[in-house]
């Protein structure tokens, strides 16, 4: 495989691993917000921001952590046949089916990008008492989808190398 493709795969996997670890530890922030909200309610002064902040943190967790989950092989897969195949057969099937996944992710990225542009242009806010701006959440969504696309392309390059008898 050309060096730049090998470098791309390594860079993407390093990047997604780093952001995946950050997302993993963001669960501690989520637990802190939820605990603070629960204690504040118990003592009579419920904050208006904790529920929405918890939702935003959870969304960031699964959007940024999606590429990390793909990288670790934690994504759900139908293993009835797949687990019995050789590495080369798996690589070939992955290459043939990656098109539908990429199509889905690109459509999702397109919608997310348009939604982010709208949020930035009009200063979109969420309904409710707290009324937080939506642009930061939508930017994290777009970043997470982009990271998944980069990871899928890295997997495809890895599978092509495997078909050629090389390992990255």
Protein backbone atom coordinates (compact mmCIF):
# COMPACT_ATOMS: atom_id res chain seq x y z
CA UNK A 1 0.00 0.00 0.00
CA UNK A 2 1.22 3.53 -0.67
CA UNK A 3 2.76 5.26 2.33
CA UNK A 4 0.23 8.09 2.36
CA UNK A 5 -2.64 5.58 2.72
CA UNK A 6 -0.87 3.81 5.57
CA UNK A 7 -0.22 7.21 7.19
CA UNK A 8 -3.88 8.14 6.70
CA UNK A 9 -5.09 4.95 8.39
CA UNK A 10 -2.73 5.41 11.32
CA UNK A 11 -3.59 9.10 11.73
CA UNK A 12 -7.35 8.48 11.63
CA UNK A 13 -7.13 5.64 14.11
CA UNK A 14 -4.96 7.69 16.48
CA UNK A 15 -7.32 10.67 16.19
CA UNK A 16 -10.45 8.58 16.75
CA UNK A 17 -8.83 6.71 19.63
CA UNK A 18 -7.97 10.01 21.36
CA UNK A 19 -11.41 11.53 20.88
CA UNK A 20 -13.04 8.23 21.85
CA UNK A 21 -11.18 8.24 25.15
CA UNK A 22 -12.26 11.84 25.75
CA UNK A 23 -15.86 10.84 25.01
CA UNK A 24 -15.53 7.89 27.36
CA UNK A 25 -14.50 10.14 30.23
CA UNK A 26 -17.26 12.64 29.42
CA UNK A 27 -19.56 10.15 31.11
CA UNK A 28 -18.05 11.35 34.39
CA UNK A 29 -19.21 14.88 33.55
CA UNK A 30 -22.65 13.47 32.71
CA UNK A 31 -22.81 11.70 36.06
CA UNK A 32 -21.73 14.89 37.82
CA UNK A 33 -24.46 16.95 36.16
CA UNK A 34 -27.08 14.31 36.94
CA UNK A 35 -25.93 14.02 40.56
CA UNK A 36 -25.95 17.80 40.99
CA UNK A 37 -29.46 17.98 39.51
CA UNK A 38 -30.75 15.22 41.76
CA UNK A 39 -29.22 16.72 44.91
CA UNK A 40 -30.46 20.22 44.05
CA UNK A 41 -33.99 18.86 43.56
CA UNK A 42 -33.82 17.00 46.85
CA UNK A 43 -32.84 20.16 48.69
CA UNK A 44 -35.55 22.30 47.11
CA UNK A 45 -33.78 24.38 44.46
CA UNK A 46 -34.03 22.50 41.16
CA UNK A 47 -31.81 23.99 38.43
CA UNK A 48 -33.34 24.50 34.99
CA UNK A 49 -30.25 23.50 33.03
CA UNK A 50 -29.26 20.04 34.30
CA UNK A 51 -31.65 17.89 32.24
CA UNK A 52 -30.78 19.54 28.94
CA UNK A 53 -27.07 19.61 29.74
CA UNK A 54 -27.22 15.88 30.50
CA UNK A 55 -28.93 15.27 27.15
CA UNK A 56 -26.27 17.31 25.34
CA UNK A 57 -23.44 15.46 27.08
CA UNK A 58 -25.01 12.11 26.23
CA UNK A 59 -25.43 13.12 22.58
CA UNK A 60 -21.78 14.20 22.44
CA UNK A 61 -20.77 10.92 24.05
CA UNK A 62 -22.42 8.71 21.48
CA UNK A 63 -21.67 10.91 18.44
CA UNK A 64 -17.95 11.32 19.21
CA UNK A 65 -17.70 7.79 20.57
CA UNK A 66 -19.24 6.23 17.44
CA UNK A 67 -16.00 6.16 15.46
CA UNK A 68 -14.18 4.79 18.53
CA UNK A 69 -16.77 2.02 18.85
CA UNK A 70 -16.30 1.16 15.16
CA UNK A 71 -12.54 1.12 15.63
CA UNK A 72 -12.76 -1.29 18.56
CA UNK A 73 -15.22 -3.56 16.74
CA UNK A 74 -17.96 -2.82 19.26
CA UNK A 75 -20.55 -2.11 16.57
CA UNK A 76 -23.34 -4.64 16.22
CA UNK A 77 -22.76 -7.06 13.38
CA UNK A 78 -24.64 -10.12 12.17
CA UNK A 79 -22.08 -12.80 13.00
CA UNK A 80 -24.08 -15.82 11.90
CA UNK A 81 -22.04 -16.17 8.72
CA UNK A 82 -19.40 -13.46 9.11
CA UNK A 83 -17.59 -15.15 12.00
CA UNK A 84 -17.08 -18.32 9.96
CA UNK A 85 -15.44 -16.60 6.99
CA UNK A 86 -11.73 -16.17 6.41
CA UNK A 87 -10.10 -12.76 6.85
CA UNK A 88 -9.95 -12.24 3.08
CA UNK A 89 -13.64 -13.10 2.61
CA UNK A 90 -14.58 -10.73 5.42
CA UNK A 91 -12.48 -7.99 3.83
CA UNK A 92 -14.15 -8.55 0.44
CA UNK A 93 -17.66 -8.46 1.92
CA UNK A 94 -16.79 -5.34 3.91
CA UNK A 95 -15.52 -3.61 0.76
CA UNK A 96 -18.69 -4.56 -1.12
CA UNK A 97 -21.04 -3.36 1.63
CA UNK A 98 -19.19 -0.21 2.70
CA UNK A 99 -20.93 1.77 -0.05
CA UNK A 100 -24.30 1.63 1.70
CA UNK A 101 -22.77 2.69 5.02
CA UNK A 102 -20.91 5.56 3.37
CA UNK A 103 -24.08 6.65 1.56
CA UNK A 104 -25.97 6.71 4.87
CA UNK A 105 -23.20 8.63 6.66
CA UNK A 106 -22.82 11.15 3.84
CA UNK A 107 -26.57 11.85 3.81
CA UNK A 108 -26.44 12.20 7.59
CA UNK A 109 -23.46 14.57 7.29
CA UNK A 110 -25.26 16.64 4.68
CA UNK A 111 -28.34 17.00 6.88
CA UNK A 112 -26.22 17.73 9.93
CA UNK A 113 -24.20 20.37 8.06
CA UNK A 114 -27.35 22.12 6.85
CA UNK A 115 -28.80 22.00 10.35
CA UNK A 116 -25.57 23.48 11.76
CA UNK A 117 -25.61 26.26 9.17
CA UNK A 118 -29.22 27.07 10.12
CA UNK A 119 -28.35 27.12 13.82
CA UNK A 120 -25.43 29.46 13.21
CA UNK A 121 -27.28 31.77 10.83
CA UNK A 122 -30.40 32.22 12.94
CA UNK A 123 -28.96 31.74 16.43
CA UNK A 124 -31.22 28.74 16.97
CA UNK A 125 -32.06 27.97 20.58
CA UNK A 126 -33.78 25.02 22.14
CA UNK A 127 -37.27 25.60 23.48
CA UNK A 128 -37.71 25.64 27.22
CA UNK A 129 -36.67 27.71 30.21
CA UNK A 130 -32.90 27.47 29.79
CA UNK A 131 -32.92 28.07 26.00
CA UNK A 132 -29.35 26.98 25.17
CA UNK A 133 -27.90 27.64 21.73
CA UNK A 134 -28.04 24.61 19.46
CA UNK A 135 -24.96 25.35 17.31
CA UNK A 136 -22.38 23.74 19.67
CA UNK A 137 -24.39 20.53 19.88
CA UNK A 138 -24.90 20.41 16.12
CA UNK A 139 -21.18 21.07 15.54
CA UNK A 140 -20.33 18.07 17.73
CA UNK A 141 -22.84 16.01 15.75
CA UNK A 142 -21.19 16.99 12.43
CA UNK A 143 -17.72 16.25 13.87
CA UNK A 144 -18.86 12.82 15.07
CA UNK A 145 -20.35 11.91 11.68
CA UNK A 146 -17.20 13.10 9.92
CA UNK A 147 -15.05 11.00 12.27
CA UNK A 148 -17.17 7.94 11.44
CA UNK A 149 -16.74 8.56 7.70
CA UNK A 150 -12.96 8.85 8.15
CA UNK A 151 -12.93 5.62 10.18
CA UNK A 152 -14.98 3.74 7.58
CA UNK A 153 -12.58 4.88 4.86
CA UNK A 154 -9.64 3.74 7.00
CA UNK A 155 -11.30 0.33 7.39
CA UNK A 156 -11.79 0.14 3.63
CA UNK A 157 -8.12 0.90 2.99
CA UNK A 158 -7.18 -1.73 5.57
CA UNK A 159 -9.48 -4.28 3.87
CA UNK A 160 -8.02 -3.55 0.44
CA UNK A 161 -4.54 -4.09 1.88
CA UNK A 162 -5.72 -7.36 3.44
CA UNK A 163 -7.03 -8.55 0.06
CA UNK A 164 -3.60 -7.80 -1.43
CA UNK A 165 -1.99 -9.88 1.31
CA UNK A 166 -0.65 -6.91 3.27
CA UNK A 167 -1.40 -5.73 6.78
CA UNK A 168 -1.54 -2.16 8.00
